[in-house]
C-alpha atoms as a PDB file:
ATOM      1  CA  UNK A   1     -51.210 -35.515  42.503  1.00  0.00           C
ATOM      2  CA  UNK A   2     -48.296 -38.053  41.742  1.00  0.00           C
ATOM      3  CA  UNK A   3     -44.558 -38.032  40.953  1.00  0.00           C
ATOM      4  CA  UNK A   4     -45.791 -39.141  37.669  1.00  0.00           C
ATOM      5  CA  UNK A   5     -48.076 -36.548  36.764  1.00  0.00           C
ATOM      6  CA  UNK A   6     -45.666 -33.509  38.142  1.00  0.00           C
ATOM      7  CA  UNK A   7     -42.958 -34.929  35.730  1.00  0.00           C
ATOM      8  CA  UNK A   8     -45.256 -34.941  32.867  1.00  0.00           C
ATOM      9  CA  UNK A   9     -46.532 -31.676  33.853  1.00  0.00           C
ATOM     10  CA  UNK A  10     -43.289 -30.038  33.981  1.00  0.00           C
ATOM     11  CA  UNK A  11     -42.010 -31.312  30.508  1.00  0.00           C
ATOM     12  CA  UNK A  12     -45.261 -29.539  28.760  1.00  0.00           C
ATOM     13  CA  UNK A  13     -44.332 -26.255  30.665  1.00  0.00           C
ATOM     14  CA  UNK A  14     -40.729 -26.121  29.449  1.00  0.00           C
ATOM     15  CA  UNK A  15     -42.071 -26.987  26.163  1.00  0.00           C
ATOM     16  CA  UNK A  16     -44.529 -24.381  26.393  1.00  0.00           C
ATOM     17  CA  UNK A  17     -41.641 -22.098  27.321  1.00  0.00           C
ATOM     18  CA  UNK A  18     -39.596 -22.652  24.459  1.00  0.00           C
ATOM     19  CA  UNK A  19     -42.270 -22.600  21.960  1.00  0.00           C
ATOM     20  CA  UNK A  20     -42.921 -18.832  23.022  1.00  0.00           C
ATOM     21  CA  UNK A  21     -39.120 -17.798  23.307  1.00  0.00           C
ATOM     22  CA  UNK A  22     -37.612 -19.847  20.134  1.00  0.00           C
ATOM     23  CA  UNK A  23     -39.576 -17.323  17.319  1.00  0.00           C
ATOM     24  CA  UNK A  24     -38.205 -14.542  19.570  1.00  0.00           C
ATOM     25  CA  UNK A  25     -34.728 -15.668  19.677  1.00  0.00           C
ATOM     26  CA  UNK A  26     -34.847 -15.735  15.432  1.00  0.00           C
ATOM     27  CA  UNK A  27     -35.640 -11.898  15.621  1.00  0.00           C
ATOM     28  CA  UNK A  28     -33.342  -9.219  15.526  1.00  0.00           C
ATOM     29  CA  UNK A  29     -33.890  -6.248  17.917  1.00  0.00           C
ATOM     30  CA  UNK A  30     -35.592  -4.657  15.467  1.00  0.00           C
ATOM     31  CA  UNK A  31     -38.095  -7.160  15.197  1.00  0.00           C
ATOM     32  CA  UNK A  32     -36.835  -8.471  11.439  1.00  0.00           C
ATOM     33  CA  UNK A  33     -34.733 -11.775  10.624  1.00  0.00           C
ATOM     34  CA  UNK A  34     -31.545 -11.676  12.515  1.00  0.00           C
ATOM     35  CA  UNK A  35     -28.894 -10.225  10.741  1.00  0.00           C
ATOM     36  CA  UNK A  36     -26.259 -12.595   8.816  1.00  0.00           C
ATOM     37  CA  UNK A  37     -23.962 -10.146   7.067  1.00  0.00           C
ATOM     38  CA  UNK A  38     -20.573 -10.060   8.793  1.00  0.00           C
ATOM     39  CA  UNK A  39     -19.087  -6.765   9.297  1.00  0.00           C
ATOM     40  CA  UNK A  40     -16.206  -5.514   7.090  1.00  0.00           C
ATOM     41  CA  UNK A  41     -13.324  -3.147   7.446  1.00  0.00           C
ATOM     42  CA  UNK A  42     -12.229  -1.732  10.281  1.00  0.00           C
ATOM     43  CA  UNK A  43     -15.660  -2.890  11.648  1.00  0.00           C
ATOM     44  CA  UNK A  44     -14.368  -6.241  11.781  1.00  0.00           C
ATOM     45  CA  UNK A  45     -11.519  -5.773  13.762  1.00  0.00           C
ATOM     46  CA  UNK A  46     -11.509  -3.115  16.307  1.00  0.00           C
ATOM     47  CA  UNK A  47     -11.632  -4.012  19.890  1.00  0.00           C
ATOM     48  CA  UNK A  48     -14.220  -2.948  22.523  1.00  0.00           C
ATOM     49  CA  UNK A  49     -16.062   0.071  21.624  1.00  0.00           C
ATOM     50  CA  UNK A  50     -13.773   1.091  18.649  1.00  0.00           C
ATOM     51  CA  UNK A  51     -10.652   0.598  20.731  1.00  0.00           C
ATOM     52  CA  UNK A  52      -7.560  -0.416  18.916  1.00  0.00           C
ATOM     53  CA  UNK A  53      -4.341  -1.461  21.317  1.00  0.00           C
ATOM     54  CA  UNK A  54      -3.672  -0.388  25.014  1.00  0.00           C
ATOM     55  CA  UNK A  55      -0.934   2.164  23.526  1.00  0.00           C
ATOM     56  CA  UNK A  56      -1.062   4.963  20.638  1.00  0.00           C
ATOM     57  CA  UNK A  57       1.235   3.974  17.569  1.00  0.00           C
ATOM     58  CA  UNK A  58       4.358   5.868  16.899  1.00  0.00           C
ATOM     59  CA  UNK A  59       3.797   9.321  15.052  1.00  0.00           C
ATOM     60  CA  UNK A  60       6.765   9.877  12.411  1.00  0.00           C
ATOM     61  CA  UNK A  61       8.545  13.397  12.839  1.00  0.00           C
ATOM     62  CA  UNK A  62       6.825  15.381  10.405  1.00  0.00           C
ATOM     63  CA  UNK A  63      10.334  16.432   9.165  1.00  0.00           C
ATOM     64  CA  UNK A  64      11.669  12.919   7.914  1.00  0.00           C
ATOM     65  CA  UNK A  65       9.166  11.333   5.375  1.00  0.00           C
ATOM     66  CA  UNK A  66       7.892   7.890   5.782  1.00  0.00           C
ATOM     67  CA  UNK A  67      10.323   5.601   4.118  1.00  0.00           C
ATOM     68  CA  UNK A  68      13.025   7.676   4.212  1.00  0.00           C
ATOM     69  CA  UNK A  69      15.600   4.842   3.936  1.00  0.00           C
ATOM     70  CA  UNK A  70      13.984   3.792   0.779  1.00  0.00           C
ATOM     71  CA  UNK A  71      14.356   6.858  -0.721  1.00  0.00           C
ATOM     72  CA  UNK A  72      18.357   6.753   0.394  1.00  0.00           C
ATOM     73  CA  UNK A  73      19.007   3.766  -1.638  1.00  0.00           C
ATOM     74  CA  UNK A  74      17.547   5.348  -5.000  1.00  0.00           C
ATOM     75  CA  UNK A  75      20.385   5.778  -7.268  1.00  0.00           C
ATOM     76  CA  UNK A  76      18.694   8.499  -9.187  1.00  0.00           C
ATOM     77  CA  UNK A  77      15.767   9.734  -7.117  1.00  0.00           C
ATOM     78  CA  UNK A  78      14.676  12.457  -9.824  1.00  0.00           C
ATOM     79  CA  UNK A  79      13.805   9.933 -12.818  1.00  0.00           C
ATOM     80  CA  UNK A  80      10.328   8.421 -12.381  1.00  0.00           C
ATOM     81  CA  UNK A  81      10.387   5.010 -11.837  1.00  0.00           C
ATOM     82  CA  UNK A  82       8.699   2.221 -13.955  1.00  0.00           C
ATOM     83  CA  UNK A  83       7.373   0.269 -10.953  1.00  0.00           C
ATOM     84  CA  UNK A  84       4.601   2.588 -10.475  1.00  0.00           C
ATOM     85  CA  UNK A  85       3.382   0.489  -7.359  1.00  0.00           C
ATOM     86  CA  UNK A  86       6.701   1.651  -5.733  1.00  0.00           C
ATOM     87  CA  UNK A  87       6.461   4.957  -7.059  1.00  0.00           C
ATOM     88  CA  UNK A  88       3.036   5.498  -5.471  1.00  0.00           C
ATOM     89  CA  UNK A  89       4.455   4.523  -2.279  1.00  0.00           C
ATOM     90  CA  UNK A  90       7.241   7.070  -2.525  1.00  0.00           C
ATOM     91  CA  UNK A  91       4.335   9.463  -3.318  1.00  0.00           C
ATOM     92  CA  UNK A  92       2.939   8.800   0.064  1.00  0.00           C
ATOM     93  CA  UNK A  93      -0.068   6.552  -1.269  1.00  0.00           C
ATOM     94  CA  UNK A  94      -1.586   3.575  -0.487  1.00  0.00           C
ATOM     95  CA  UNK A  95      -0.933   0.308  -2.844  1.00  0.00           C
ATOM     96  CA  UNK A  96      -3.528  -2.308  -2.993  1.00  0.00           C
ATOM     97  CA  UNK A  97      -3.400  -5.660  -5.124  1.00  0.00           C
ATOM     98  CA  UNK A  98      -5.396  -8.331  -6.477  1.00  0.00           C
ATOM     99  CA  UNK A  99      -3.784 -12.340  -6.154  1.00  0.00           C
ATOM    100  CA  UNK A 100      -3.239 -14.791  -8.696  1.00  0.00           C
ATOM    101  CA  UNK A 101      -3.173 -18.455  -7.451  1.00  0.00           C
ATOM    102  CA  UNK A 102      -3.602 -20.079 -10.979  1.00  0.00           C
ATOM    103  CA  UNK A 103      -2.184 -19.946 -14.021  1.00  0.00           C
ATOM    104  CA  UNK A 104      -4.332 -18.027 -16.017  1.00  0.00           C
ATOM    105  CA  UNK A 105      -2.551 -15.741 -18.396  1.00  0.00           C
ATOM    106  CA  UNK A 106      -5.809 -14.282 -19.812  1.00  0.00           C
ATOM    107  CA  UNK A 107      -7.079 -13.755 -16.288  1.00  0.00           C
ATOM    108  CA  UNK A 108      -3.884 -12.140 -15.264  1.00  0.00           C
ATOM    109  CA  UNK A 109      -4.064 -10.063 -18.163  1.00  0.00           C
ATOM    110  CA  UNK A 110      -7.566  -8.815 -17.595  1.00  0.00           C
ATOM    111  CA  UNK A 111      -6.701  -7.949 -13.745  1.00  0.00           C
ATOM    112  CA  UNK A 112      -3.201  -6.482 -13.904  1.00  0.00           C
ATOM    113  CA  UNK A 113      -4.091  -2.997 -15.552  1.00  0.00           C
ATOM    114  CA  UNK A 114      -6.914  -2.644 -12.808  1.00  0.00           C
ATOM    115  CA  UNK A 115      -4.423  -2.687  -9.694  1.00  0.00           C
ATOM    116  CA  UNK A 116      -1.436  -1.265  -8.274  1.00  0.00           C
ATOM    117  CA  UNK A 117       0.005  -4.628  -8.338  1.00  0.00           C
ATOM    118  CA  UNK A 118      -0.748  -8.609  -8.932  1.00  0.00           C
ATOM    119  CA  UNK A 119       0.663 -10.288  -6.006  1.00  0.00           C
ATOM    120  CA  UNK A 120       1.708 -13.733  -7.728  1.00  0.00           C
ATOM    121  CA  UNK A 121       1.135 -16.580  -5.462  1.00  0.00           C
ATOM    122  CA  UNK A 122       3.880 -19.218  -4.979  1.00  0.00           C
ATOM    123  CA  UNK A 123       4.048 -19.811  -1.368  1.00  0.00           C
ATOM    124  CA  UNK A 124       0.299 -21.073  -1.475  1.00  0.00           C
ATOM    125  CA  UNK A 125      -0.258 -22.553  -4.730  1.00  0.00           C
ATOM    126  CA  UNK A 126       1.255 -25.078  -7.051  1.00  0.00           C
ATOM    127  CA  UNK A 127       2.281 -22.932  -9.884  1.00  0.00           C
ATOM    128  CA  UNK A 128       5.592 -22.942 -11.390  1.00  0.00           C
ATOM    129  CA  UNK A 129       8.328 -20.614 -12.297  1.00  0.00           C
ATOM    130  CA  UNK A 130       7.561 -21.670 -16.111  1.00  0.00           C
ATOM    131  CA  UNK A 131       3.453 -21.199 -15.306  1.00  0.00           C
ATOM    132  CA  UNK A 132       4.724 -17.537 -13.745  1.00  0.00           C
ATOM    133  CA  UNK A 133       6.428 -16.532 -16.799  1.00  0.00           C
ATOM    134  CA  UNK A 134       3.750 -17.387 -19.164  1.00  0.00           C
ATOM    135  CA  UNK A 135       1.516 -15.232 -17.228  1.00  0.00           C
ATOM    136  CA  UNK A 136       3.602 -12.064 -16.918  1.00  0.00           C
ATOM    137  CA  UNK A 137       4.720 -12.433 -20.496  1.00  0.00           C
ATOM    138  CA  UNK A 138       1.409 -12.275 -21.632  1.00  0.00           C
ATOM    139  CA  UNK A 139       1.069  -8.946 -21.547  1.00  0.00           C
ATOM    140  CA  UNK A 140       4.237  -7.821 -20.174  1.00  0.00           C
ATOM    141  CA  UNK A 141       3.472  -4.099 -20.397  1.00  0.00           C
ATOM    142  CA  UNK A 142       0.430  -4.116 -18.291  1.00  0.00           C
ATOM    143  CA  UNK A 143       0.670  -3.951 -14.314  1.00  0.00           C
ATOM    144  CA  UNK A 144       2.995  -4.513 -12.046  1.00  0.00           C
ATOM    145  CA  UNK A 145       3.938  -8.283 -10.996  1.00  0.00           C
ATOM    146  CA  UNK A 146       5.114  -9.007  -7.515  1.00  0.00           C
ATOM    147  CA  UNK A 147       5.830 -12.891  -6.879  1.00  0.00           C
ATOM    148  CA  UNK A 148       5.341 -14.217  -3.020  1.00  0.00           C
ATOM    149  CA  UNK A 149       7.802 -16.837  -3.223  1.00  0.00           C
ATOM    150  CA  UNK A 150       7.739 -19.587  -1.133  1.00  0.00           C
ATOM    151  CA  UNK A 151      11.064 -18.639   0.820  1.00  0.00           C
ATOM    152  CA  UNK A 152      14.038 -16.635   0.763  1.00  0.00           C
ATOM    153  CA  UNK A 153      16.490 -19.093  -0.914  1.00  0.00           C
ATOM    154  CA  UNK A 154      18.556 -17.146  -3.401  1.00  0.00           C
ATOM    155  CA  UNK A 155      17.374 -19.501  -6.015  1.00  0.00           C
ATOM    156  CA  UNK A 156      13.904 -18.704  -6.104  1.00  0.00           C
ATOM    157  CA  UNK A 157      14.565 -15.434  -5.707  1.00  0.00           C
ATOM    158  CA  UNK A 158      16.726 -15.033  -8.422  1.00  0.00           C
ATOM    159  CA  UNK A 159      14.411 -17.042 -10.852  1.00  0.00           C
ATOM    160  CA  UNK A 160      11.361 -14.500  -9.867  1.00  0.00           C
ATOM    161  CA  UNK A 161      13.400 -11.193 -11.119  1.00  0.00           C
ATOM    162  CA  UNK A 162      14.797 -12.882 -14.227  1.00  0.00           C
ATOM    163  CA  UNK A 163      11.071 -13.845 -15.673  1.00  0.00           C
ATOM    164  CA  UNK A 164      10.262 -10.301 -15.293  1.00  0.00           C
ATOM    165  CA  UNK A 165       8.935  -9.474 -11.842  1.00  0.00           C
ATOM    166  CA  UNK A 166       9.285  -6.085 -10.145  1.00  0.00           C
ATOM    167  CA  UNK A 167       8.837  -7.153  -6.608  1.00  0.00           C
ATOM    168  CA  UNK A 168       9.222 -10.202  -4.798  1.00  0.00           C
ATOM    169  CA  UNK A 169       7.504 -10.917  -1.155  1.00  0.00           C
ATOM    170  CA  UNK A 170       8.987 -13.075   1.105  1.00  0.00           C
ATOM    171  CA  UNK A 171       6.982 -14.993   4.031  1.00  0.00           C
ATOM    172  CA  UNK A 172       7.526 -16.118   7.454  1.00  0.00           C
ATOM    173  CA  UNK A 173      10.541 -13.899   8.484  1.00  0.00           C
ATOM    174  CA  UNK A 174      11.126 -14.115  11.601  1.00  0.00           C
ATOM    175  CA  UNK A 175      14.376 -12.677  12.323  1.00  0.00           C
ATOM    176  CA  UNK A 176      16.933 -10.377  10.721  1.00  0.00           C
ATOM    177  CA  UNK A 177      18.748 -12.764   8.795  1.00  0.00           C
ATOM    178  CA  UNK A 178      15.796 -14.138   6.327  1.00  0.00           C
ATOM    179  CA  UNK A 179      15.543 -10.422   6.196  1.00  0.00           C
ATOM    180  CA  UNK A 180      18.903  -9.583   4.981  1.00  0.00           C
ATOM    181  CA  UNK A 181      18.672 -12.602   2.944  1.00  0.00           C
ATOM    182  CA  UNK A 182      15.579 -11.352   1.028  1.00  0.00           C
ATOM    183  CA  UNK A 183      17.234  -7.997   0.444  1.00  0.00           C
ATOM    184  CA  UNK A 184      20.750  -9.437  -0.457  1.00  0.00           C
ATOM    185  CA  UNK A 185      19.359 -11.780  -3.477  1.00  0.00           C
ATOM    186  CA  UNK A 186      16.550  -9.289  -4.632  1.00  0.00           C
ATOM    187  CA  UNK A 187      18.861  -6.145  -5.072  1.00  0.00           C
ATOM    188  CA  UNK A 188      22.154  -5.926  -6.939  1.00  0.00           C
ATOM    189  CA  UNK A 189      25.127  -4.287  -5.908  1.00  0.00           C
ATOM    190  CA  UNK A 190      25.642  -2.194  -3.914  1.00  0.00           C
ATOM    191  CA  UNK A 191      22.912  -2.896  -1.760  1.00  0.00           C
ATOM    192  CA  UNK A 192      22.992  -6.834  -2.681  1.00  0.00           C
ATOM    193  CA  UNK A 193      24.200  -9.668  -4.503  1.00  0.00           C
ATOM    194  CA  UNK A 194      22.046 -10.749  -7.065  1.00  0.00           C
ATOM    195  CA  UNK A 195      24.055 -11.744 -10.001  1.00  0.00           C
ATOM    196  CA  UNK A 196      23.372 -10.284 -13.362  1.00  0.00           C
ATOM    197  CA  UNK A 197      20.325 -11.843 -15.778  1.00  0.00           C
ATOM    198  CA  UNK A 198      17.091 -10.483 -17.487  1.00  0.00           C
ATOM    199  CA  UNK A 199      15.450  -7.697 -15.594  1.00  0.00           C
ATOM    200  CA  UNK A 200      12.650  -5.620 -16.194  1.00  0.00           C
ATOM    201  CA  UNK A 201      14.595  -2.127 -15.563  1.00  0.00           C
ATOM    202  CA  UNK A 202      17.858  -1.438 -16.917  1.00  0.00           C
ATOM    203  CA  UNK A 203      20.723  -2.409 -14.396  1.00  0.00           C
ATOM    204  CA  UNK A 204      21.801   0.881 -13.363  1.00  0.00           C
ATOM    205  CA  UNK A 205      17.771   1.728 -12.562  1.00  0.00           C
ATOM    206  CA  UNK A 206      17.168  -2.090 -11.108  1.00  0.00           C
ATOM    207  CA  UNK A 207      17.597  -1.825  -7.819  1.00  0.00           C
ATOM    208  CA  UNK A 208      15.407   1.867  -8.025  1.00  0.00           C
ATOM    209  CA  UNK A 209      12.499  -0.384  -9.508  1.00  0.00           C
ATOM    210  CA  UNK A 210      12.844  -3.828  -7.072  1.00  0.00           C
ATOM    211  CA  UNK A 211      10.382  -3.702  -4.354  1.00  0.00           C
ATOM    212  CA  UNK A 212      11.240  -5.982  -1.780  1.00  0.00           C
ATOM    213  CA  UNK A 213       8.381  -6.899   0.423  1.00  0.00           C
ATOM    214  CA  UNK A 214       8.857  -9.081   3.822  1.00  0.00           C
ATOM    215  CA  UNK A 215       6.337 -10.797   5.923  1.00  0.00           C
ATOM    216  CA  UNK A 216       5.910 -10.876   9.165  1.00  0.00           C
ATOM    217  CA  UNK A 217       3.628 -13.882  10.602  1.00  0.00           C
ATOM    218  CA  UNK A 218       4.882 -14.622  14.284  1.00  0.00           C
ATOM    219  CA  UNK A 219       5.215 -12.846  17.689  1.00  0.00           C
ATOM    220  CA  UNK A 220       9.117 -14.073  17.404  1.00  0.00           C
ATOM    221  CA  UNK A 221       8.859 -11.648  14.119  1.00  0.00           C
ATOM    222  CA  UNK A 222       7.149  -8.910  15.953  1.00  0.00           C
ATOM    223  CA  UNK A 223       9.850  -9.067  18.828  1.00  0.00           C
ATOM    224  CA  UNK A 224      12.809  -8.515  16.198  1.00  0.00           C
ATOM    225  CA  UNK A 225      10.405  -6.093  13.494  1.00  0.00           C
ATOM    226  CA  UNK A 226      12.939  -3.493  13.831  1.00  0.00           C
ATOM    227  CA  UNK A 227      16.044  -5.604  12.939  1.00  0.00           C
ATOM    228  CA  UNK A 228      13.860  -6.998   9.815  1.00  0.00           C
ATOM    229  CA  UNK A 229      12.831  -3.686   8.863  1.00  0.00           C
ATOM    230  CA  UNK A 230      16.164  -2.347   9.219  1.00  0.00           C
ATOM    231  CA  UNK A 231      17.646  -4.985   6.622  1.00  0.00           C
ATOM    232  CA  UNK A 232      19.375  -3.771   3.963  1.00  0.00           C
ATOM    233  CA  UNK A 233      17.411  -3.969   0.465  1.00  0.00           C
ATOM    234  CA  UNK A 234      14.005  -4.190   2.110  1.00  0.00           C
ATOM    235  CA  UNK A 235      11.610  -1.861   1.076  1.00  0.00           C
ATOM    236  CA  UNK A 236       8.270  -2.943   2.594  1.00  0.00           C
ATOM    237  CA  UNK A 237       7.138  -4.745   5.819  1.00  0.00           C
ATOM    238  CA  UNK A 238       3.883  -6.434   6.070  1.00  0.00           C
ATOM    239  CA  UNK A 239       1.985  -8.086   8.640  1.00  0.00           C
ATOM    240  CA  UNK A 240       0.244 -11.500   7.325  1.00  0.00           C
ATOM    241  CA  UNK A 241      -2.591 -10.593   9.595  1.00  0.00           C
ATOM    242  CA  UNK A 242      -4.249 -14.368   9.341  1.00  0.00           C
ATOM    243  CA  UNK A 243      -1.067 -16.240  10.327  1.00  0.00           C
ATOM    244  CA  UNK A 244      -0.126 -13.457  13.039  1.00  0.00           C
ATOM    245  CA  UNK A 245      -3.354 -14.193  14.768  1.00  0.00           C
ATOM    246  CA  UNK A 246      -3.303 -17.864  14.436  1.00  0.00           C
ATOM    247  CA  UNK A 247       0.375 -17.808  15.700  1.00  0.00           C
ATOM    248  CA  UNK A 248      -0.289 -15.820  18.680  1.00  0.00           C
ATOM    249  CA  UNK A 249      -3.542 -17.199  19.455  1.00  0.00           C
ATOM    250  CA  UNK A 250      -5.582 -13.525  19.693  1.00  0.00           C
ATOM    251  CA  UNK A 251      -8.409 -12.675  17.964  1.00  0.00           C
ATOM    252  CA  UNK A 252      -7.887  -9.651  15.367  1.00  0.00           C
ATOM    253  CA  UNK A 253     -10.311  -7.896  17.692  1.00  0.00           C
ATOM    254  CA  UNK A 254      -8.196  -8.490  20.666  1.00  0.00           C
ATOM    255  CA  UNK A 255      -6.218  -5.333  21.931  1.00  0.00           C
ATOM    256  CA  UNK A 256      -3.305  -7.361  22.577  1.00  0.00           C
ATOM    257  CA  UNK A 257      -3.108  -8.591  18.724  1.00  0.00           C
ATOM    258  CA  UNK A 258      -3.438  -4.743  18.025  1.00  0.00           C
ATOM    259  CA  UNK A 259      -0.530  -3.991  20.218  1.00  0.00           C
ATOM    260  CA  UNK A 260       1.726  -6.933  18.017  1.00  0.00           C
ATOM    261  CA  UNK A 261       0.234  -4.603  14.876  1.00  0.00           C
ATOM    262  CA  UNK A 262       1.301  -1.648  16.359  1.00  0.00           C
ATOM    263  CA  UNK A 263       4.859  -2.913  17.480  1.00  0.00           C
ATOM    264  CA  UNK A 264       5.408  -3.876  13.954  1.00  0.00           C
ATOM    265  CA  UNK A 265       4.169  -0.346  12.645  1.00  0.00           C
ATOM    266  CA  UNK A 266       6.341   1.480  14.884  1.00  0.00           C
ATOM    267  CA  UNK A 267       9.189  -0.530  14.390  1.00  0.00           C
ATOM    268  CA  UNK A 268       8.922  -0.189  10.322  1.00  0.00           C
ATOM    269  CA  UNK A 269       8.664   3.291  10.381  1.00  0.00           C
ATOM    270  CA  UNK A 270      11.958   4.609  12.665  1.00  0.00           C
ATOM    271  CA  UNK A 271      13.502   2.090  10.273  1.00  0.00           C
ATOM    272  CA  UNK A 272      12.819   4.273   7.482  1.00  0.00           C
ATOM    273  CA  UNK A 273      10.765   1.799   5.307  1.00  0.00           C
ATOM    274  CA  UNK A 274       7.165   1.515   4.331  1.00  0.00           C
ATOM    275  CA  UNK A 275       4.324  -0.594   6.594  1.00  0.00           C
ATOM    276  CA  UNK A 276       1.593  -2.603   5.469  1.00  0.00           C
ATOM    277  CA  UNK A 277      -1.060  -4.915   6.005  1.00  0.00           C
ATOM    278  CA  UNK A 278      -2.045  -8.188   4.290  1.00  0.00           C
ATOM    279  CA  UNK A 279      -5.772  -7.613   5.118  1.00  0.00           C
ATOM    280  CA  UNK A 280      -8.154  -4.633   3.835  1.00  0.00           C
ATOM    281  CA  UNK A 281      -9.636  -4.706   6.910  1.00  0.00           C
ATOM    282  CA  UNK A 282      -6.872  -2.124   8.125  1.00  0.00           C
ATOM    283  CA  UNK A 283      -7.197   0.250   5.467  1.00  0.00           C
ATOM    284  CA  UNK A 284      -9.234   2.505   7.044  1.00  0.00           C
ATOM    285  CA  UNK A 285     -10.670   3.624  10.293  1.00  0.00           C
ATOM    286  CA  UNK A 286      -7.787   2.498  12.470  1.00  0.00           C
ATOM    287  CA  UNK A 287      -5.150   4.277  14.352  1.00  0.00           C
ATOM    288  CA  UNK A 288      -2.496   2.733  12.015  1.00  0.00           C
ATOM    289  CA  UNK A 289      -4.566   3.050   8.614  1.00  0.00           C
ATOM    290  CA  UNK A 290      -2.468   6.298   7.554  1.00  0.00           C
ATOM    291  CA  UNK A 291       0.659   4.463   7.271  1.00  0.00           C
ATOM    292  CA  UNK A 292      -1.058   1.230   6.137  1.00  0.00           C
ATOM    293  CA  UNK A 293       0.472   1.517   2.563  1.00  0.00           C
ATOM    294  CA  UNK A 294       1.029  -1.707   0.958  1.00  0.00           C
ATOM    295  CA  UNK A 295      -1.869  -4.384   1.259  1.00  0.00           C
ATOM    296  CA  UNK A 296      -2.315  -8.036  -0.651  1.00  0.00           C
ATOM    297  CA  UNK A 297      -5.852  -7.015  -1.373  1.00  0.00           C
ATOM    298  CA  UNK A 298      -8.051  -3.835  -1.748  1.00  0.00           C
ATOM    299  CA  UNK A 299     -10.149  -2.093  -4.142  1.00  0.00           C
ATOM    300  CA  UNK A 300      -9.309  -1.409  -8.006  1.00  0.00           C
ATOM    301  CA  UNK A 301      -7.758   1.867  -8.990  1.00  0.00           C
ATOM    302  CA  UNK A 302     -10.387   2.472 -11.393  1.00  0.00           C
ATOM    303  CA  UNK A 303     -13.737   1.374  -9.775  1.00  0.00           C
ATOM    304  CA  UNK A 304     -13.384  -2.276 -11.668  1.00  0.00           C
ATOM    305  CA  UNK A 305     -14.861  -5.000  -9.636  1.00  0.00           C
ATOM    306  CA  UNK A 306     -13.732  -8.181 -10.309  1.00  0.00           C
ATOM    307  CA  UNK A 307     -16.191 -10.765 -11.897  1.00  0.00           C
ATOM    308  CA  UNK A 308     -16.868 -13.995 -10.539  1.00  0.00           C
ATOM    309  CA  UNK A 309     -15.082 -17.365 -11.979  1.00  0.00           C
ATOM    310  CA  UNK A 310     -15.979 -17.518 -15.709  1.00  0.00           C
ATOM    311  CA  UNK A 311     -18.546 -14.612 -15.253  1.00  0.00           C
ATOM    312  CA  UNK A 312     -17.781 -11.086 -17.465  1.00  0.00           C
ATOM    313  CA  UNK A 313     -16.113  -8.372 -15.442  1.00  0.00           C
ATOM    314  CA  UNK A 314     -18.094  -5.137 -14.362  1.00  0.00           C
ATOM    315  CA  UNK A 315     -17.800  -2.081 -16.181  1.00  0.00           C
ATOM    316  CA  UNK A 316     -15.714   0.237 -13.797  1.00  0.00           C
ATOM    317  CA  UNK A 317     -17.339   3.399 -12.131  1.00  0.00           C
ATOM    318  CA  UNK A 318     -17.486   6.437 -13.699  1.00  0.00           C
ATOM    319  CA  UNK A 319     -14.254   8.783 -12.450  1.00  0.00           C
ATOM    320  CA  UNK A 320     -15.009  11.374 -10.652  1.00  0.00           C
ATOM    321  CA  UNK A 321     -14.382  14.941 -11.865  1.00  0.00           C
END
């Protein structure tokens, strides 16, 4: 057989093999079509065999409640807070929000009653303070508005609190100085230096109701996590999960990435503050879930399901008895 004929025969055999194997490759193990659904929740972030990190998270002393330093700041701990999200944290409960990233007062007012807080996005949006004020003032007694400001600059935090925000979120906090700036400009004396102005709560109760949140999004922030968490006036420290994954170059199911989360978790609890994550994937099913009390996105408080853009909202699920 000539070499030319041998080459043609080899090509025909290869094509026959591919045609045989290709349909099998498109089948899932059970014989159906290959699954396309992506895992959600803890399944999306747990490591091999459901593992999480190379060491166990620190377990707080049961005799000292989580958030003990925040409780120590309270001017009148016996009075329930008007900031219901902060009150739930003090009660040991998880809180989750819905993110408003466009200036839509009607949408804001529709969502606000159904979540612990509304995360108003001013870092990664083009909304102005005037846009945000129009939303908040459209239904001033509905929900808990918390603004993610672009940075810890005094003017931005002052404007956010003046327009009626009951909390501020400061991103990209990599060391203690920026955390101290966040606490200093969001709280009034004696715990901060915010000047007088319009506030949602009366001045005497202002510090009690103002919720100051800072975000750790880099390995440098993880390294300084205790100093960040211990800053006066800071109530909550959360990890920016996507950015921390990108800056560390560890996937969110990498054990080394989990170690970064555990280090932040441990530092925050030891400093007496509340720990959280931007991602709702850590809400349940991981060793840090029990203490993951603040998250950017999560379920509504009443079963409400947000509608698609332009669609009517779904009816809330019946309350359990």
